[in-house]
Amino acid sequence: MTQGAGRVAAKRINDHVELVHVDNPDVVFEVPRHDWEAFTTAVKSGAFDLRTLEREAEENVA
């Protein structure tokens, strides 16, 4: 796995990329590989904030 922004790790699987919250590995966000470029563009532009995953992980634990 490679470290991404915040505390999220990315792992490429055959047809998708899994983003796993490092502090809560049960939280997995799957992005189809054909959407990966659009997804990373959205993250870089601020349209999608990876910190959202952290907040969702905290909410799901509570």
N, C-alpha and C. Protein backbone atom coordinates (compact mmCIF):
# COMPACT_ATOMS: atom_id res chain seq x y z
N MET A 1 0.84 -1.17 0.00
CA MET A 1 0.00 0.00 0.00
C MET A 1 0.89 1.24 0.00
N THR A 2 0.39 2.26 -0.62
CA THR A 2 1.12 3.52 -0.63
C THR A 2 0.37 4.55 0.20
N GLN A 3 1.12 5.42 0.85
CA GLN A 3 0.49 6.44 1.68
C GLN A 3 -0.04 7.56 0.80
N GLY A 4 -1.23 7.99 1.05
CA GLY A 4 -1.83 9.09 0.32
C GLY A 4 -1.98 10.28 1.23
N ALA A 5 -2.83 11.18 0.86
CA ALA A 5 -3.08 12.38 1.67
C ALA A 5 -3.73 11.99 2.98
N GLY A 6 -3.38 12.67 4.03
CA GLY A 6 -3.96 12.36 5.33
C GLY A 6 -3.52 11.00 5.80
N ARG A 7 -4.43 10.28 6.40
CA ARG A 7 -4.11 8.94 6.90
C ARG A 7 -4.87 7.91 6.09
N VAL A 8 -4.66 7.94 4.79
CA VAL A 8 -5.33 7.03 3.87
C VAL A 8 -4.26 6.32 3.05
N ALA A 9 -4.41 5.01 2.90
CA ALA A 9 -3.50 4.23 2.08
C ALA A 9 -4.26 3.74 0.86
N ALA A 10 -3.57 3.68 -0.28
CA ALA A 10 -4.20 3.22 -1.52
C ALA A 10 -3.58 1.90 -1.94
N LYS A 11 -4.43 0.99 -2.38
CA LYS A 11 -3.98 -0.32 -2.83
C LYS A 11 -4.69 -0.66 -4.13
N ARG A 12 -3.92 -0.91 -5.18
CA ARG A 12 -4.53 -1.23 -6.47
C ARG A 12 -4.90 -2.71 -6.50
N ILE A 13 -6.14 -2.97 -6.82
CA ILE A 13 -6.68 -4.31 -6.99
C ILE A 13 -7.02 -4.41 -8.48
N ASN A 14 -7.23 -5.60 -8.99
CA ASN A 14 -7.44 -5.81 -10.43
C ASN A 14 -8.22 -4.71 -11.14
N ASP A 15 -9.46 -4.49 -10.73
CA ASP A 15 -10.31 -3.55 -11.47
C ASP A 15 -10.67 -2.29 -10.69
N HIS A 16 -10.07 -2.12 -9.51
CA HIS A 16 -10.37 -0.94 -8.71
C HIS A 16 -9.18 -0.61 -7.79
N VAL A 17 -9.27 0.54 -7.17
CA VAL A 17 -8.29 0.98 -6.19
C VAL A 17 -9.03 1.10 -4.87
N GLU A 18 -8.44 0.53 -3.82
CA GLU A 18 -9.03 0.62 -2.50
C GLU A 18 -8.29 1.68 -1.69
N LEU A 19 -9.03 2.60 -1.11
CA LEU A 19 -8.48 3.57 -0.18
C LEU A 19 -8.88 3.09 1.21
N VAL A 20 -7.88 2.88 2.05
CA VAL A 20 -8.12 2.34 3.38
C VAL A 20 -7.67 3.37 4.40
N HIS A 21 -8.55 3.67 5.34
CA HIS A 21 -8.20 4.60 6.42
C HIS A 21 -7.20 3.88 7.32
N VAL A 22 -6.00 4.45 7.47
CA VAL A 22 -4.91 3.81 8.20
C VAL A 22 -5.29 3.53 9.65
N ASP A 23 -5.99 4.45 10.29
CA ASP A 23 -6.35 4.27 11.69
C ASP A 23 -7.53 3.33 11.89
N ASN A 24 -8.28 3.09 10.82
CA ASN A 24 -9.44 2.21 10.90
C ASN A 24 -9.50 1.39 9.61
N PRO A 25 -8.74 0.30 9.55
CA PRO A 25 -8.66 -0.46 8.30
C PRO A 25 -9.96 -1.10 7.85
N ASP A 26 -11.00 -1.05 8.68
CA ASP A 26 -12.30 -1.57 8.27
C ASP A 26 -13.03 -0.60 7.34
N VAL A 27 -12.53 0.65 7.26
CA VAL A 27 -13.13 1.65 6.39
C VAL A 27 -12.42 1.59 5.05
N VAL A 28 -13.13 1.12 4.02
CA VAL A 28 -12.54 0.96 2.70
C VAL A 28 -13.43 1.69 1.68
N PHE A 29 -12.79 2.50 0.86
CA PHE A 29 -13.48 3.24 -0.19
C PHE A 29 -12.94 2.70 -1.51
N GLU A 30 -13.80 2.16 -2.36
CA GLU A 30 -13.37 1.58 -3.63
C GLU A 30 -13.63 2.55 -4.78
N VAL A 31 -12.60 2.72 -5.62
CA VAL A 31 -12.71 3.57 -6.80
C VAL A 31 -12.38 2.69 -8.01
N PRO A 32 -13.30 2.56 -8.97
CA PRO A 32 -13.00 1.79 -10.18
C PRO A 32 -11.76 2.37 -10.87
N ARG A 33 -10.91 1.49 -11.39
CA ARG A 33 -9.68 1.97 -12.03
C ARG A 33 -9.95 2.91 -13.17
N HIS A 34 -11.04 2.70 -13.91
CA HIS A 34 -11.32 3.60 -15.03
C HIS A 34 -11.73 5.00 -14.55
N ASP A 35 -12.08 5.14 -13.26
CA ASP A 35 -12.43 6.44 -12.68
C ASP A 35 -11.29 7.05 -11.87
N TRP A 36 -10.17 6.33 -11.75
CA TRP A 36 -9.09 6.77 -10.87
C TRP A 36 -8.55 8.15 -11.25
N GLU A 37 -8.32 8.40 -12.53
CA GLU A 37 -7.78 9.70 -12.95
C GLU A 37 -8.75 10.83 -12.60
N ALA A 38 -10.03 10.63 -12.86
CA ALA A 38 -11.02 11.66 -12.52
C ALA A 38 -11.10 11.85 -11.01
N PHE A 39 -10.98 10.76 -10.26
CA PHE A 39 -11.02 10.84 -8.80
C PHE A 39 -9.83 11.63 -8.28
N THR A 40 -8.61 11.32 -8.75
CA THR A 40 -7.44 12.05 -8.26
C THR A 40 -7.49 13.52 -8.67
N THR A 41 -8.04 13.81 -9.84
CA THR A 41 -8.21 15.20 -10.26
C THR A 41 -9.16 15.92 -9.32
N ALA A 42 -10.25 15.25 -8.93
CA ALA A 42 -11.21 15.85 -7.99
C ALA A 42 -10.56 16.10 -6.63
N VAL A 43 -9.74 15.16 -6.17
CA VAL A 43 -9.06 15.34 -4.89
C VAL A 43 -8.10 16.53 -4.96
N LYS A 44 -7.31 16.58 -6.03
CA LYS A 44 -6.33 17.66 -6.17
C LYS A 44 -7.00 19.03 -6.29
N SER A 45 -8.17 19.08 -6.90
CA SER A 45 -8.86 20.36 -7.07
C SER A 45 -9.64 20.78 -5.82
N GLY A 46 -9.76 19.86 -4.88
CA GLY A 46 -10.51 20.16 -3.66
C GLY A 46 -11.97 19.78 -3.75
N ALA A 47 -12.40 19.25 -4.87
CA ALA A 47 -13.80 18.85 -5.03
C ALA A 47 -14.13 17.64 -4.16
N PHE A 48 -13.14 16.82 -3.87
CA PHE A 48 -13.31 15.68 -2.98
C PHE A 48 -12.21 15.76 -1.94
N ASP A 49 -12.59 15.78 -0.69
CA ASP A 49 -11.64 15.95 0.40
C ASP A 49 -11.42 14.61 1.09
N LEU A 50 -10.19 14.09 1.06
CA LEU A 50 -9.91 12.80 1.69
C LEU A 50 -10.13 12.84 3.20
N ARG A 51 -10.12 14.02 3.78
CA ARG A 51 -10.40 14.11 5.22
C ARG A 51 -11.83 13.70 5.51
N THR A 52 -12.68 13.72 4.49
CA THR A 52 -14.06 13.23 4.65
C THR A 52 -14.04 11.78 5.09
N LEU A 53 -13.11 10.99 4.55
CA LEU A 53 -13.00 9.59 4.94
C LEU A 53 -12.68 9.46 6.42
N GLU A 54 -11.81 10.34 6.92
CA GLU A 54 -11.46 10.30 8.33
C GLU A 54 -12.68 10.61 9.20
N ARG A 55 -13.44 11.62 8.82
CA ARG A 55 -14.63 11.97 9.60
C ARG A 55 -15.65 10.82 9.57
N GLU A 56 -15.83 10.21 8.40
CA GLU A 56 -16.77 9.09 8.31
C GLU A 56 -16.31 7.92 9.14
N ALA A 57 -15.01 7.69 9.19
CA ALA A 57 -14.48 6.59 10.00
C ALA A 57 -14.79 6.85 11.47
N GLU A 58 -14.58 8.07 11.91
CA GLU A 58 -14.86 8.41 13.31
C GLU A 58 -16.34 8.27 13.61
N GLU A 59 -17.20 8.66 12.68
CA GLU A 59 -18.64 8.54 12.89
C GLU A 59 -19.08 7.09 12.94
N ASN A 60 -18.48 6.24 12.12
CA ASN A 60 -18.86 4.82 12.10
C ASN A 60 -18.37 4.08 13.34
N VAL A 61 -17.30 4.55 13.95
CA VAL A 61 -16.79 3.91 15.16
C VAL A 61 -17.67 4.25 16.34
N ALA A 62 -18.17 5.47 16.35
CA ALA A 62 -18.99 5.94 17.49
C ALA A 62 -20.31 5.24 17.58
